[in-house]
Amino acid sequence: MQLYTTDFITGKNIETIGMVTGGAVQTKHLGRDFMAGVRKLVGGEVLVYTQMQDEAQAQATLNMLEDAQRMGADAIICIRYSIASIEGSSKVLAYGTAVKFV
């Protein structure tokens, strides 16, 4: 499966199938969340939260790919991410347009 953030694929004729989505909510255990809170006091990157965000985005992308595969897509174009924080967890929605090559 090919993934694109652009709304077209150079050199390919495509047929739109429809919108695909994938969501994920990721959290860390309480001990790591406490240590991240301590890190906020002294400043700098909070690696636990960076890792949590990366994991949520990767899972949301995989869920979106599964949605596209169920539809028989060859690629996903116009991929976008929506990210939110919910009480110490990271929520990511991945979405795009499933297409077939013609």
C-alpha atoms as a PDB file:
ATOM      1  CA  MET A   1       0.000   0.000   0.000  1.00  0.00           C
ATOM      2  CA  GLN A   2       1.355   3.393  -0.978  1.00  0.00           C
ATOM      3  CA  LEU A   3       0.812   6.410   1.278  1.00  0.00           C
ATOM      4  CA  TYR A   4       0.817  10.050   0.118  1.00  0.00           C
ATOM      5  CA  THR A   5       0.140  13.395   1.737  1.00  0.00           C
ATOM      6  CA  THR A   6      -0.444  14.914  -1.715  1.00  0.00           C
ATOM      7  CA  ASP A   7      -3.855  14.907  -3.376  1.00  0.00           C
ATOM      8  CA  PHE A   8      -2.576  13.215  -6.541  1.00  0.00           C
ATOM      9  CA  ILE A   9       0.092  10.726  -7.610  1.00  0.00           C
ATOM     10  CA  THR A  10       2.298  11.906 -10.458  1.00  0.00           C
ATOM     11  CA  GLY A  11       2.106   9.553 -13.437  1.00  0.00           C
ATOM     12  CA  LYS A  12      -0.829   7.541 -12.085  1.00  0.00           C
ATOM     13  CA  ASN A  13      -4.492   7.622 -13.049  1.00  0.00           C
ATOM     14  CA  ILE A  14      -6.544   7.046  -9.943  1.00  0.00           C
ATOM     15  CA  GLU A  15     -10.142   6.316  -9.065  1.00  0.00           C
ATOM     16  CA  THR A  16     -11.428   7.502  -5.704  1.00  0.00           C
ATOM     17  CA  ILE A  17     -12.930   4.800  -3.499  1.00  0.00           C
ATOM     18  CA  GLY A  18     -13.689   6.850  -0.391  1.00  0.00           C
ATOM     19  CA  MET A  19     -12.461   8.181   2.916  1.00  0.00           C
ATOM     20  CA  VAL A  20     -10.493   5.931   5.254  1.00  0.00           C
ATOM     21  CA  THR A  21      -9.788   6.512   8.925  1.00  0.00           C
ATOM     22  CA  GLY A  22      -7.845   4.994  11.769  1.00  0.00           C
ATOM     23  CA  GLY A  23      -7.777   6.065  15.376  1.00  0.00           C
ATOM     24  CA  ALA A  24      -5.666   5.248  18.406  1.00  0.00           C
ATOM     25  CA  VAL A  25      -5.428   6.361  22.014  1.00  0.00           C
ATOM     26  CA  GLN A  26      -2.113   5.711  23.738  1.00  0.00           C
ATOM     27  CA  THR A  27      -1.209   6.137  27.400  1.00  0.00           C
ATOM     28  CA  LYS A  28       1.757   5.463  29.697  1.00  0.00           C
ATOM     29  CA  HIS A  29       1.618   3.885  33.124  1.00  0.00           C
ATOM     30  CA  LEU A  30       1.312   6.055  36.209  1.00  0.00           C
ATOM     31  CA  GLY A  31       4.996   5.904  37.224  1.00  0.00           C
ATOM     32  CA  ARG A  32       6.188   7.226  33.879  1.00  0.00           C
ATOM     33  CA  ASP A  33       3.483   9.879  33.868  1.00  0.00           C
ATOM     34  CA  PHE A  34       4.655  11.045  37.303  1.00  0.00           C
ATOM     35  CA  MET A  35       8.281  11.268  36.119  1.00  0.00           C
ATOM     36  CA  ALA A  36       7.155  13.224  33.049  1.00  0.00           C
ATOM     37  CA  GLY A  37       5.419  15.679  35.393  1.00  0.00           C
ATOM     38  CA  VAL A  38       8.685  16.144  37.290  1.00  0.00           C
ATOM     39  CA  ARG A  39      10.456  16.729  33.957  1.00  0.00           C
ATOM     40  CA  LYS A  40       7.979  19.518  33.157  1.00  0.00           C
ATOM     41  CA  LEU A  41       9.244  21.406  36.199  1.00  0.00           C
ATOM     42  CA  VAL A  42      12.848  21.539  34.955  1.00  0.00           C
ATOM     43  CA  GLY A  43      12.098  21.946  31.245  1.00  0.00           C
ATOM     44  CA  GLY A  44      13.176  20.116  28.117  1.00  0.00           C
ATOM     45  CA  GLU A  45      11.651  17.411  25.983  1.00  0.00           C
ATOM     46  CA  VAL A  46       9.482  14.886  27.777  1.00  0.00           C
ATOM     47  CA  LEU A  47      10.651  11.718  26.024  1.00  0.00           C
ATOM     48  CA  VAL A  48       7.884   9.569  27.525  1.00  0.00           C
ATOM     49  CA  TYR A  49       5.253  11.780  25.891  1.00  0.00           C
ATOM     50  CA  THR A  50       7.176  11.907  22.595  1.00  0.00           C
ATOM     51  CA  GLN A  51       7.281   8.107  22.548  1.00  0.00           C
ATOM     52  CA  MET A  52       3.577   7.915  23.460  1.00  0.00           C
ATOM     53  CA  GLN A  53       2.711  10.284  20.597  1.00  0.00           C
ATOM     54  CA  ASP A  54       4.831   8.315  18.096  1.00  0.00           C
ATOM     55  CA  GLU A  55       3.203   5.028  19.156  1.00  0.00           C
ATOM     56  CA  ALA A  56      -0.305   6.480  18.838  1.00  0.00           C
ATOM     57  CA  GLN A  57       0.441   7.881  15.377  1.00  0.00           C
ATOM     58  CA  ALA A  58       1.925   4.583  14.180  1.00  0.00           C
ATOM     59  CA  GLN A  59      -1.101   2.632  15.452  1.00  0.00           C
ATOM     60  CA  ALA A  60      -3.563   5.100  13.898  1.00  0.00           C
ATOM     61  CA  THR A  61      -1.735   4.763  10.566  1.00  0.00           C
ATOM     62  CA  LEU A  62      -1.913   0.956  10.750  1.00  0.00           C
ATOM     63  CA  ASN A  63      -5.636   1.131  11.535  1.00  0.00           C
ATOM     64  CA  MET A  64      -6.163   3.444   8.542  1.00  0.00           C
ATOM     65  CA  LEU A  65      -4.221   1.021   6.304  1.00  0.00           C
ATOM     66  CA  GLU A  66      -6.452  -1.846   7.425  1.00  0.00           C
ATOM     67  CA  ASP A  67      -9.522   0.240   6.546  1.00  0.00           C
ATOM     68  CA  ALA A  68      -8.100   0.908   3.072  1.00  0.00           C
ATOM     69  CA  GLN A  69      -7.215  -2.756   2.527  1.00  0.00           C
ATOM     70  CA  ARG A  70     -10.805  -3.774   3.365  1.00  0.00           C
ATOM     71  CA  MET A  71     -11.931  -1.383   0.619  1.00  0.00           C
ATOM     72  CA  GLY A  72      -9.484  -2.869  -1.910  1.00  0.00           C
ATOM     73  CA  ALA A  73      -7.407   0.305  -2.237  1.00  0.00           C
ATOM     74  CA  ASP A  74      -4.003   0.489  -3.915  1.00  0.00           C
ATOM     75  CA  ALA A  75      -2.984   3.700  -2.154  1.00  0.00           C
ATOM     76  CA  ILE A  76      -4.108   6.404   0.248  1.00  0.00           C
ATOM     77  CA  ILE A  77      -3.763  10.053  -0.738  1.00  0.00           C
ATOM     78  CA  CYS A  78      -4.369  13.307   1.166  1.00  0.00           C
ATOM     79  CA  ILE A  79      -3.256  11.740   4.464  1.00  0.00           C
ATOM     80  CA  ARG A  80      -3.722  13.984   7.473  1.00  0.00           C
ATOM     81  CA  TYR A  81      -3.481  13.558  11.236  1.00  0.00           C
ATOM     82  CA  SER A  82      -5.562  15.060  14.005  1.00  0.00           C
ATOM     83  CA  ILE A  83      -3.959  14.932  17.446  1.00  0.00           C
ATOM     84  CA  ALA A  84      -5.493  15.590  20.849  1.00  0.00           C
ATOM     85  CA  SER A  85      -4.563  15.081  24.470  1.00  0.00           C
ATOM     86  CA  ILE A  86      -6.975  13.431  26.890  1.00  0.00           C
ATOM     87  CA  GLU A  87      -5.915  13.419  30.577  1.00  0.00           C
ATOM     88  CA  GLY A  88      -2.367  12.128  30.078  1.00  0.00           C
ATOM     89  CA  SER A  89      -3.077  10.121  26.953  1.00  0.00           C
ATOM     90  CA  SER A  90      -2.576  10.880  23.291  1.00  0.00           C
ATOM     91  CA  LYS A  91      -5.431  10.499  20.812  1.00  0.00           C
ATOM     92  CA  VAL A  92      -4.567  10.395  17.109  1.00  0.00           C
ATOM     93  CA  LEU A  93      -6.923  10.182  14.141  1.00  0.00           C
ATOM     94  CA  ALA A  94      -5.366   9.379  10.771  1.00  0.00           C
ATOM     95  CA  TYR A  95      -7.496   9.963   7.697  1.00  0.00           C
ATOM     96  CA  GLY A  96      -7.155  10.113   3.936  1.00  0.00           C
ATOM     97  CA  THR A  97      -8.689   9.138   0.604  1.00  0.00           C
ATOM     98  CA  ALA A  98      -8.487   5.526  -0.577  1.00  0.00           C
ATOM     99  CA  VAL A  99      -7.812   5.184  -4.310  1.00  0.00           C
ATOM    100  CA  LYS A 100      -7.364   2.455  -6.914  1.00  0.00           C
ATOM    101  CA  PHE A 101      -4.987   2.685  -9.861  1.00  0.00           C
ATOM    102  CA  VAL A 102      -6.718   2.604 -13.252  1.00  0.00           C
END
